[in-house]
């Protein structure tokens, strides 16, 4: 098994999307991961994942059927079991 050497949050695909999109991320160590969706005002609209993941590459599918068209942001926060931490925000567009 080849492990990633660093934390990474990739751009969702497809983007713009309706109604679902895929978010990929990689973890160099086992980690607790939380992915939160925010609207363009910075208000939290959803937590799409909050779980422990093994090191490696992971895929989350997000269904935005409840969201209206617009620009949203997704934030990944990861706390590695080795004490490392990672946080990154990316933009996504819902187009209905």
PDB file of N, CA and C in Angstrom:
ATOM      1  N   UNK A   1       0.848  -1.195   0.000  1.00  0.00           N
ATOM      2  CA  UNK A   1       0.000   0.000   0.000  1.00  0.00           C
ATOM      3  C   UNK A   1       0.880   1.239   0.000  1.00  0.00           C
ATOM      4  N   UNK A   2       0.700   2.080  -0.980  1.00  0.00           N
ATOM      5  CA  UNK A   2       1.464   3.331  -1.059  1.00  0.00           C
ATOM      6  C   UNK A   2       0.682   4.407  -0.324  1.00  0.00           C
ATOM      7  N   UNK A   3       1.338   5.045   0.643  1.00  0.00           N
ATOM      8  CA  UNK A   3       0.669   6.064   1.448  1.00  0.00           C
ATOM      9  C   UNK A   3       1.017   7.462   0.957  1.00  0.00           C
ATOM     10  N   UNK A   4       0.052   8.378   1.015  1.00  0.00           N
ATOM     11  CA  UNK A   4       0.351   9.779   0.690  1.00  0.00           C
ATOM     12  C   UNK A   4       1.399  10.329   1.657  1.00  0.00           C
ATOM     13  N   UNK A   5       2.190  11.288   1.209  1.00  0.00           N
ATOM     14  CA  UNK A   5       3.206  11.863   2.090  1.00  0.00           C
ATOM     15  C   UNK A   5       2.708  13.107   2.816  1.00  0.00           C
ATOM     16  N   UNK A   6       1.533  13.611   2.420  1.00  0.00           N
ATOM     17  CA  UNK A   6       0.999  14.791   3.087  1.00  0.00           C
ATOM     18  C   UNK A   6      -0.521  14.792   3.035  1.00  0.00           C
ATOM     19  N   UNK A   7      -1.109  15.597   3.901  1.00  0.00           N
ATOM     20  CA  UNK A   7      -2.548  15.802   3.861  1.00  0.00           C
ATOM     21  C   UNK A   7      -2.894  16.554   2.576  1.00  0.00           C
ATOM     22  N   UNK A   8      -4.038  16.225   1.989  1.00  0.00           N
ATOM     23  CA  UNK A   8      -4.480  16.953   0.798  1.00  0.00           C
ATOM     24  C   UNK A   8      -6.001  16.926   0.723  1.00  0.00           C
ATOM     25  N   UNK A   9      -6.550  18.037   0.260  1.00  0.00           N
ATOM     26  CA  UNK A   9      -7.973  18.140  -0.046  1.00  0.00           C
ATOM     27  C   UNK A   9      -8.059  18.576  -1.497  1.00  0.00           C
ATOM     28  N   UNK A  10      -8.678  17.747  -2.329  1.00  0.00           N
ATOM     29  CA  UNK A  10      -8.746  18.039  -3.755  1.00  0.00           C
ATOM     30  C   UNK A  10     -10.029  18.785  -4.090  1.00  0.00           C
ATOM     31  N   UNK A  11     -10.015  19.435  -5.246  1.00  0.00           N
ATOM     32  CA  UNK A  11     -11.199  20.151  -5.717  1.00  0.00           C
ATOM     33  C   UNK A  11     -12.298  19.142  -6.012  1.00  0.00           C
ATOM     34  N   UNK A  12     -13.521  19.477  -5.595  1.00  0.00           N
ATOM     35  CA  UNK A  12     -14.639  18.565  -5.878  1.00  0.00           C
ATOM     36  C   UNK A  12     -14.851  18.432  -7.390  1.00  0.00           C
ATOM     37  N   UNK A  13     -15.448  17.316  -7.772  1.00  0.00           N
ATOM     38  CA  UNK A  13     -15.705  17.049  -9.184  1.00  0.00           C
ATOM     39  C   UNK A  13     -17.033  16.324  -9.317  1.00  0.00           C
ATOM     40  N   UNK A  14     -17.928  16.676 -10.223  1.00  0.00           N
ATOM     41  CA  UNK A  14     -17.819  17.876 -11.069  1.00  0.00           C
ATOM     42  C   UNK A  14     -18.087  19.161 -10.290  1.00  0.00           C
ATOM     43  N   UNK A  15     -17.717  20.261 -10.862  1.00  0.00           N
ATOM     44  CA  UNK A  15     -17.933  21.572 -10.252  1.00  0.00           C
ATOM     45  C   UNK A  15     -18.019  22.598 -11.373  1.00  0.00           C
ATOM     46  N   UNK A  16     -19.141  23.267 -11.582  1.00  0.00           N
ATOM     47  CA  UNK A  16     -20.406  23.246 -10.829  1.00  0.00           C
ATOM     48  C   UNK A  16     -21.094  21.880 -10.921  1.00  0.00           C
ATOM     49  N   UNK A  17     -22.026  21.628  -9.990  1.00  0.00           N
ATOM     50  CA  UNK A  17     -22.686  20.338  -9.952  1.00  0.00           C
ATOM     51  C   UNK A  17     -24.152  20.477  -9.565  1.00  0.00           C
ATOM     52  N   UNK A  18     -24.919  19.422  -9.901  1.00  0.00           N
ATOM     53  CA  UNK A  18     -26.320  19.300  -9.504  1.00  0.00           C
ATOM     54  C   UNK A  18     -26.730  17.844  -9.709  1.00  0.00           C
ATOM     55  N   UNK A  19     -27.161  17.115  -8.709  1.00  0.00           N
ATOM     56  CA  UNK A  19     -27.205  17.559  -7.311  1.00  0.00           C
ATOM     57  C   UNK A  19     -26.039  17.039  -6.485  1.00  0.00           C
ATOM     58  N   UNK A  20     -25.188  16.149  -7.088  1.00  0.00           N
ATOM     59  CA  UNK A  20     -24.147  15.549  -6.253  1.00  0.00           C
ATOM     60  C   UNK A  20     -22.759  15.761  -6.838  1.00  0.00           C
ATOM     61  N   UNK A  21     -21.766  15.669  -5.940  1.00  0.00           N
ATOM     62  CA  UNK A  21     -20.375  15.864  -6.321  1.00  0.00           C
ATOM     63  C   UNK A  21     -19.509  14.937  -5.486  1.00  0.00           C
ATOM     64  N   UNK A  22     -18.264  14.788  -5.904  1.00  0.00           N
ATOM     65  CA  UNK A  22     -17.317  13.919  -5.219  1.00  0.00           C
ATOM     66  C   UNK A  22     -16.181  14.760  -4.659  1.00  0.00           C
ATOM     67  N   UNK A  23     -15.811  14.476  -3.409  1.00  0.00           N
ATOM     68  CA  UNK A  23     -14.699  15.152  -2.752  1.00  0.00           C
ATOM     69  C   UNK A  23     -13.662  14.094  -2.388  1.00  0.00           C
ATOM     70  N   UNK A  24     -12.435  14.284  -2.861  1.00  0.00           N
ATOM     71  CA  UNK A  24     -11.346  13.360  -2.553  1.00  0.00           C
ATOM     72  C   UNK A  24     -10.358  14.030  -1.613  1.00  0.00           C
ATOM     73  N   UNK A  25      -9.804  13.230  -0.707  1.00  0.00           N
ATOM     74  CA  UNK A  25      -8.760  13.745   0.179  1.00  0.00           C
ATOM     75  C   UNK A  25      -7.788  12.627   0.516  1.00  0.00           C
ATOM     76  N   UNK A  26      -6.589  13.015   0.929  1.00  0.00           N
ATOM     77  CA  UNK A  26      -5.594  12.010   1.297  1.00  0.00           C
ATOM     78  C   UNK A  26      -5.027  12.314   2.672  1.00  0.00           C
ATOM     79  N   UNK A  27      -4.664  11.237   3.347  1.00  0.00           N
ATOM     80  CA  UNK A  27      -4.147  11.314   4.711  1.00  0.00           C
ATOM     81  C   UNK A  27      -2.841  10.524   4.808  1.00  0.00           C
ATOM     82  N   UNK A  28      -1.774  11.152   5.301  1.00  0.00           N
ATOM     83  CA  UNK A  28      -0.515  10.415   5.458  1.00  0.00           C
ATOM     84  C   UNK A  28      -0.511   9.521   6.698  1.00  0.00           C
ATOM     85  N   UNK A  29      -1.414   9.787   7.630  1.00  0.00           N
ATOM     86  CA  UNK A  29      -1.528   9.006   8.870  1.00  0.00           C
ATOM     87  C   UNK A  29      -3.010   8.793   9.171  1.00  0.00           C
ATOM     88  N   UNK A  30      -3.316   7.829  10.033  1.00  0.00           N
ATOM     89  CA  UNK A  30      -4.698   7.666  10.481  1.00  0.00           C
ATOM     90  C   UNK A  30      -5.135   8.975  11.130  1.00  0.00           C
ATOM     91  N   UNK A  31      -6.373   9.393  10.874  1.00  0.00           N
ATOM     92  CA  UNK A  31      -6.797  10.710  11.352  1.00  0.00           C
ATOM     93  C   UNK A  31      -8.305  10.759  11.577  1.00  0.00           C
ATOM     94  N   UNK A  32      -8.693  11.687  12.437  1.00  0.00           N
ATOM     95  CA  UNK A  32     -10.096  12.051  12.623  1.00  0.00           C
ATOM     96  C   UNK A  32     -10.375  13.174  11.625  1.00  0.00           C
ATOM     97  N   UNK A  33     -11.389  13.005  10.781  1.00  0.00           N
ATOM     98  CA  UNK A  33     -11.648  13.966   9.699  1.00  0.00           C
ATOM     99  C   UNK A  33     -13.069  14.507   9.818  1.00  0.00           C
ATOM    100  N   UNK A  34     -13.183  15.820   9.655  1.00  0.00           N
ATOM    101  CA  UNK A  34     -14.494  16.476   9.629  1.00  0.00           C
ATOM    102  C   UNK A  34     -14.555  17.341   8.381  1.00  0.00           C
ATOM    103  N   UNK A  35     -15.630  17.183   7.594  1.00  0.00           N
ATOM    104  CA  UNK A  35     -15.830  18.008   6.402  1.00  0.00           C
ATOM    105  C   UNK A  35     -17.131  18.770   6.589  1.00  0.00           C
ATOM    106  N   UNK A  36     -17.021  20.099   6.559  1.00  0.00           N
ATOM    107  CA  UNK A  36     -18.149  20.988   6.824  1.00  0.00           C
ATOM    108  C   UNK A  36     -18.428  21.834   5.594  1.00  0.00           C
ATOM    109  N   UNK A  37     -19.715  22.052   5.322  1.00  0.00           N
ATOM    110  CA  UNK A  37     -20.134  22.904   4.197  1.00  0.00           C
ATOM    111  C   UNK A  37     -20.617  24.238   4.756  1.00  0.00           C
ATOM    112  N   UNK A  38     -20.150  25.327   4.149  1.00  0.00           N
ATOM    113  CA  UNK A  38     -20.551  26.679   4.534  1.00  0.00           C
ATOM    114  C   UNK A  38     -21.147  27.387   3.332  1.00  0.00           C
ATOM    115  N   UNK A  39     -22.102  28.298   3.581  1.00  0.00           N
ATOM    116  CA  UNK A  39     -22.624  29.111   2.482  1.00  0.00           C
ATOM    117  C   UNK A  39     -21.705  30.305   2.260  1.00  0.00           C
ATOM    118  N   UNK A  40     -22.055  31.167   1.303  1.00  0.00           N
ATOM    119  CA  UNK A  40     -21.176  32.291   0.959  1.00  0.00           C
ATOM    120  C   UNK A  40     -21.104  33.343   2.064  1.00  0.00           C
ATOM    121  N   UNK A  41     -21.999  33.264   3.050  1.00  0.00           N
ATOM    122  CA  UNK A  41     -21.941  34.174   4.206  1.00  0.00           C
ATOM    123  C   UNK A  41     -21.109  33.602   5.340  1.00  0.00           C
ATOM    124  N   UNK A  42     -20.586  32.398   5.138  1.00  0.00           N
ATOM    125  CA  UNK A  42     -19.783  31.759   6.169  1.00  0.00           C
ATOM    126  C   UNK A  42     -20.599  30.994   7.198  1.00  0.00           C
ATOM    127  N   UNK A  43     -21.884  30.810   6.928  1.00  0.00           N
ATOM    128  CA  UNK A  43     -22.752  30.072   7.848  1.00  0.00           C
ATOM    129  C   UNK A  43     -22.664  28.578   7.556  1.00  0.00           C
ATOM    130  N   UNK A  44     -22.542  27.770   8.614  1.00  0.00           N
ATOM    131  CA  UNK A  44     -22.483  26.318   8.443  1.00  0.00           C
ATOM    132  C   UNK A  44     -23.837  25.809   7.982  1.00  0.00           C
ATOM    133  N   UNK A  45     -23.855  25.062   6.871  1.00  0.00           N
ATOM    134  CA  UNK A  45     -25.110  24.514   6.366  1.00  0.00           C
ATOM    135  C   UNK A  45     -25.179  22.998   6.482  1.00  0.00           C
ATOM    136  N   UNK A  46     -24.036  22.342   6.643  1.00  0.00           N
ATOM    137  CA  UNK A  46     -24.044  20.886   6.740  1.00  0.00           C
ATOM    138  C   UNK A  46     -22.681  20.386   7.210  1.00  0.00           C
ATOM    139  N   UNK A  47     -22.682  19.271   7.922  1.00  0.00           N
ATOM    140  CA  UNK A  47     -21.461  18.517   8.196  1.00  0.00           C
ATOM    141  C   UNK A  47     -21.641  17.207   7.448  1.00  0.00           C
ATOM    142  N   UNK A  48     -20.842  17.005   6.403  1.00  0.00           N
ATOM    143  CA  UNK A  48     -21.071  15.835   5.560  1.00  0.00           C
ATOM    144  C   UNK A  48     -20.252  14.636   5.991  1.00  0.00           C
ATOM    145  N   UNK A  49     -19.307  14.842   6.883  1.00  0.00           N
ATOM    146  CA  UNK A  49     -18.527  13.719   7.359  1.00  0.00           C
ATOM    147  C   UNK A  49     -17.854  14.079   8.662  1.00  0.00           C
ATOM    148  N   UNK A  50     -17.853  13.153   9.593  1.00  0.00           N
ATOM    149  CA  UNK A  50     -17.105  13.315  10.835  1.00  0.00           C
ATOM    150  C   UNK A  50     -16.795  11.907  11.323  1.00  0.00           C
ATOM    151  N   UNK A  51     -15.576  11.434  10.998  1.00  0.00           N
ATOM    152  CA  UNK A  51     -15.244  10.047  11.283  1.00  0.00           C
ATOM    153  C   UNK A  51     -13.736   9.838  11.288  1.00  0.00           C
ATOM    154  N   UNK A  52     -13.333   8.670  11.753  1.00  0.00           N
ATOM    155  CA  UNK A  52     -11.931   8.265  11.698  1.00  0.00           C
ATOM    156  C   UNK A  52     -11.654   7.579  10.369  1.00  0.00           C
ATOM    157  N   UNK A  53     -10.523   7.906   9.779  1.00  0.00           N
ATOM    158  CA  UNK A  53     -10.110   7.293   8.521  1.00  0.00           C
ATOM    159  C   UNK A  53      -8.696   6.758   8.664  1.00  0.00           C
ATOM    160  N   UNK A  54      -8.409   5.654   7.974  1.00  0.00           N
ATOM    161  CA  UNK A  54      -7.044   5.139   7.895  1.00  0.00           C
ATOM    162  C   UNK A  54      -6.250   6.027   6.943  1.00  0.00           C
ATOM    163  N   UNK A  55      -4.942   5.959   7.051  1.00  0.00           N
ATOM    164  CA  UNK A  55      -4.103   6.682   6.102  1.00  0.00           C
ATOM    165  C   UNK A  55      -4.409   6.172   4.698  1.00  0.00           C
ATOM    166  N   UNK A  56      -4.297   7.061   3.713  1.00  0.00           N
ATOM    167  CA  UNK A  56      -4.578   6.688   2.338  1.00  0.00           C
ATOM    168  C   UNK A  56      -5.425   7.732   1.645  1.00  0.00           C
ATOM    169  N   UNK A  57      -5.986   7.342   0.503  1.00  0.00           N
ATOM    170  CA  UNK A  57      -6.802   8.242  -0.310  1.00  0.00           C
ATOM    171  C   UNK A  57      -8.268   7.857  -0.131  1.00  0.00           C
ATOM    172  N   UNK A  58      -9.109   8.851   0.087  1.00  0.00           N
ATOM    173  CA  UNK A  58     -10.516   8.610   0.381  1.00  0.00           C
ATOM    174  C   UNK A  58     -11.419   9.469  -0.497  1.00  0.00           C
ATOM    175  N   UNK A  59     -12.641   8.986  -0.713  1.00  0.00           N
ATOM    176  CA  UNK A  59     -13.636   9.670  -1.532  1.00  0.00           C
ATOM    177  C   UNK A  59     -14.930   9.801  -0.745  1.00  0.00           C
ATOM    178  N   UNK A  60     -15.489  11.007  -0.741  1.00  0.00           N
ATOM    179  CA  UNK A  60     -16.780  11.270  -0.108  1.00  0.00           C
ATOM    180  C   UNK A  60     -17.718  11.780  -1.204  1.00  0.00           C
ATOM    181  N   UNK A  61     -18.920  11.246  -1.240  1.00  0.00           N
ATOM    182  CA  UNK A  61     -19.935  11.758  -2.161  1.00  0.00           C
ATOM    183  C   UNK A  61     -20.865  12.670  -1.380  1.00  0.00           C
ATOM    184  N   UNK A  62     -21.118  13.852  -1.926  1.00  0.00           N
ATOM    185  CA  UNK A  62     -21.978  14.832  -1.275  1.00  0.00           C
ATOM    186  C   UNK A  62     -23.172  15.126  -2.158  1.00  0.00           C
ATOM    187  N   UNK A  63     -24.364  14.958  -1.600  1.00  0.00           N
ATOM    188  CA  UNK A  63     -25.603  15.238  -2.316  1.00  0.00           C
ATOM    189  C   UNK A  63     -26.168  16.557  -1.795  1.00  0.00           C
ATOM    190  N   UNK A  64     -26.234  17.552  -2.670  1.00  0.00           N
ATOM    191  CA  UNK A  64     -26.656  18.901  -2.285  1.00  0.00           C
ATOM    192  C   UNK A  64     -28.106  19.166  -2.641  1.00  0.00           C
ATOM    193  N   UNK A  65     -28.941  18.126  -2.643  1.00  0.00           N
ATOM    194  CA  UNK A  65     -30.337  18.297  -3.056  1.00  0.00           C
ATOM    195  C   UNK A  65     -31.076  19.316  -2.193  1.00  0.00           C
ATOM    196  N   UNK A  66     -30.639  19.507  -0.931  1.00  0.00           N
ATOM    197  CA  UNK A  66     -31.312  20.455  -0.033  1.00  0.00           C
ATOM    198  C   UNK A  66     -30.810  21.890  -0.199  1.00  0.00           C
ATOM    199  N   UNK A  67     -29.722  22.075  -0.915  1.00  0.00           N
ATOM    200  CA  UNK A  67     -29.133  23.407  -1.056  1.00  0.00           C
ATOM    201  C   UNK A  67     -29.651  24.101  -2.309  1.00  0.00           C
ATOM    202  N   UNK A  68     -29.793  25.411  -2.228  1.00  0.00           N
ATOM    203  CA  UNK A  68     -30.173  26.175  -3.405  1.00  0.00           C
ATOM    204  C   UNK A  68     -28.926  26.483  -4.235  1.00  0.00           C
ATOM    205  N   UNK A  69     -29.142  26.944  -5.455  1.00  0.00           N
ATOM    206  CA  UNK A  69     -28.018  27.313  -6.316  1.00  0.00           C
ATOM    207  C   UNK A  69     -27.170  28.376  -5.638  1.00  0.00           C
ATOM    208  N   UNK A  70     -25.870  28.298  -5.848  1.00  0.00           N
ATOM    209  CA  UNK A  70     -24.982  29.313  -5.287  1.00  0.00           C
ATOM    210  C   UNK A  70     -23.590  28.781  -5.035  1.00  0.00           C
ATOM    211  N   UNK A  71     -22.782  29.640  -4.438  1.00  0.00           N
ATOM    212  CA  UNK A  71     -21.401  29.309  -4.108  1.00  0.00           C
ATOM    213  C   UNK A  71     -21.350  28.832  -2.659  1.00  0.00           C
ATOM    214  N   UNK A  72     -20.667  27.723  -2.457  1.00  0.00           N
ATOM    215  CA  UNK A  72     -20.488  27.145  -1.124  1.00  0.00           C
ATOM    216  C   UNK A  72     -19.009  26.842  -0.931  1.00  0.00           C
ATOM    217  N   UNK A  73     -18.646  26.630   0.313  1.00  0.00           N
ATOM    218  CA  UNK A  73     -17.265  26.290   0.659  1.00  0.00           C
ATOM    219  C   UNK A  73     -17.276  25.020   1.475  1.00  0.00           C
ATOM    220  N   UNK A  74     -16.306  24.154   1.215  1.00  0.00           N
ATOM    221  CA  UNK A  74     -16.177  22.958   2.045  1.00  0.00           C
ATOM    222  C   UNK A  74     -14.818  22.999   2.730  1.00  0.00           C
ATOM    223  N   UNK A  75     -14.845  22.699   4.022  1.00  0.00           N
ATOM    224  CA  UNK A  75     -13.638  22.737   4.846  1.00  0.00           C
ATOM    225  C   UNK A  75     -13.358  21.345   5.382  1.00  0.00           C
ATOM    226  N   UNK A  76     -12.131  20.909   5.201  1.00  0.00           N
ATOM    227  CA  UNK A  76     -11.692  19.651   5.798  1.00  0.00           C
ATOM    228  C   UNK A  76     -10.790  19.976   6.969  1.00  0.00           C
ATOM    229  N   UNK A  77     -11.092  19.378   8.110  1.00  0.00           N
ATOM    230  CA  UNK A  77     -10.242  19.481   9.292  1.00  0.00           C
ATOM    231  C   UNK A  77      -9.830  18.066   9.656  1.00  0.00           C
ATOM    232  N   UNK A  78      -8.533  17.840   9.789  1.00  0.00           N
ATOM    233  CA  UNK A  78      -8.032  16.507  10.122  1.00  0.00           C
ATOM    234  C   UNK A  78      -7.074  16.595  11.298  1.00  0.00           C
ATOM    235  N   UNK A  79      -7.235  15.663  12.222  1.00  0.00           N
ATOM    236  CA  UNK A  79      -6.326  15.538  13.370  1.00  0.00           C
ATOM    237  C   UNK A  79      -5.703  14.160  13.299  1.00  0.00           C
ATOM    238  N   UNK A  80      -4.414  14.126  12.964  1.00  0.00           N
ATOM    239  CA  UNK A  80      -3.719  12.850  12.818  1.00  0.00           C
ATOM    240  C   UNK A  80      -3.425  12.210  14.156  1.00  0.00           C
ATOM    241  N   UNK A  81      -3.321  10.885  14.159  1.00  0.00           N
ATOM    242  CA  UNK A  81      -3.031  10.180  15.406  1.00  0.00           C
ATOM    243  C   UNK A  81      -1.591  10.395  15.872  1.00  0.00           C
ATOM    244  N   UNK A  82      -0.791  11.071  15.042  1.00  0.00           N
ATOM    245  CA  UNK A  82       0.582  11.408  15.431  1.00  0.00           C
ATOM    246  C   UNK A  82       0.692  12.839  15.960  1.00  0.00           C
ATOM    247  N   UNK A  83      -0.466  13.504  16.140  1.00  0.00           N
ATOM    248  CA  UNK A  83      -0.462  14.875  16.643  1.00  0.00           C
ATOM    249  C   UNK A  83      -0.495  15.928  15.550  1.00  0.00           C
ATOM    250  N   UNK A  84      -0.401  15.512  14.302  1.00  0.00           N
ATOM    251  CA  UNK A  84      -0.439  16.473  13.202  1.00  0.00           C
ATOM    252  C   UNK A  84      -1.863  16.965  12.990  1.00  0.00           C
ATOM    253  N   UNK A  85      -1.968  18.130  12.360  1.00  0.00           N
ATOM    254  CA  UNK A  85      -3.297  18.646  12.047  1.00  0.00           C
ATOM    255  C   UNK A  85      -3.266  19.325  10.687  1.00  0.00           C
ATOM    256  N   UNK A  86      -4.455  19.425  10.083  1.00  0.00           N
ATOM    257  CA  UNK A  86      -4.566  19.971   8.738  1.00  0.00           C
ATOM    258  C   UNK A  86      -5.944  20.596   8.599  1.00  0.00           C
ATOM    259  N   UNK A  87      -5.993  21.740   7.932  1.00  0.00           N
ATOM    260  CA  UNK A  87      -7.276  22.367   7.628  1.00  0.00           C
ATOM    261  C   UNK A  87      -7.140  23.103   6.299  1.00  0.00           C
ATOM    262  N   UNK A  88      -8.145  22.927   5.433  1.00  0.00           N
ATOM    263  CA  UNK A  88      -8.129  23.610   4.143  1.00  0.00           C
ATOM    264  C   UNK A  88      -9.564  23.822   3.690  1.00  0.00           C
ATOM    265  N   UNK A  89      -9.796  24.924   2.986  1.00  0.00           N
ATOM    266  CA  UNK A  89     -11.126  25.262   2.479  1.00  0.00           C
ATOM    267  C   UNK A  89     -11.055  25.349   0.956  1.00  0.00           C
ATOM    268  N   UNK A  90     -12.082  24.805   0.276  1.00  0.00           N
ATOM    269  CA  UNK A  90     -12.199  24.907  -1.180  1.00  0.00           C
ATOM    270  C   UNK A  90     -13.608  25.391  -1.522  1.00  0.00           C
ATOM    271  N   UNK A  91     -13.736  25.986  -2.697  1.00  0.00           N
ATOM    272  CA  UNK A  91     -15.018  26.532  -3.151  1.00  0.00           C
ATOM    273  C   UNK A  91     -15.695  25.547  -4.092  1.00  0.00           C
ATOM    274  N   UNK A  92     -17.030  25.458  -3.999  1.00  0.00           N
ATOM    275  CA  UNK A  92     -17.800  24.658  -4.936  1.00  0.00           C
ATOM    276  C   UNK A  92     -19.068  25.409  -5.307  1.00  0.00           C
ATOM    277  N   UNK A  93     -19.625  25.082  -6.471  1.00  0.00           N
ATOM    278  CA  UNK A  93     -20.785  25.798  -6.985  1.00  0.00           C
ATOM    279  C   UNK A  93     -21.913  24.811  -7.250  1.00  0.00           C
ATOM    280  N   UNK A  94     -23.067  25.080  -6.636  1.00  0.00           N
ATOM    281  CA  UNK A  94     -24.279  24.308  -6.895  1.00  0.00           C
ATOM    282  C   UNK A  94     -25.068  25.074  -7.952  1.00  0.00           C
ATOM    283  N   UNK A  95     -25.404  24.403  -9.056  1.00  0.00           N
ATOM    284  CA  UNK A  95     -26.125  25.062 -10.136  1.00  0.00           C
ATOM    285  C   UNK A  95     -27.335  24.212 -10.493  1.00  0.00           C
ATOM    286  N   UNK A  96     -28.517  24.719 -10.137  1.00  0.00           N
ATOM    287  CA  UNK A  96     -29.750  23.946 -10.382  1.00  0.00           C
ATOM    288  C   UNK A  96     -30.561  24.577 -11.496  1.00  0.00           C
TER     289      UNK A  96
END
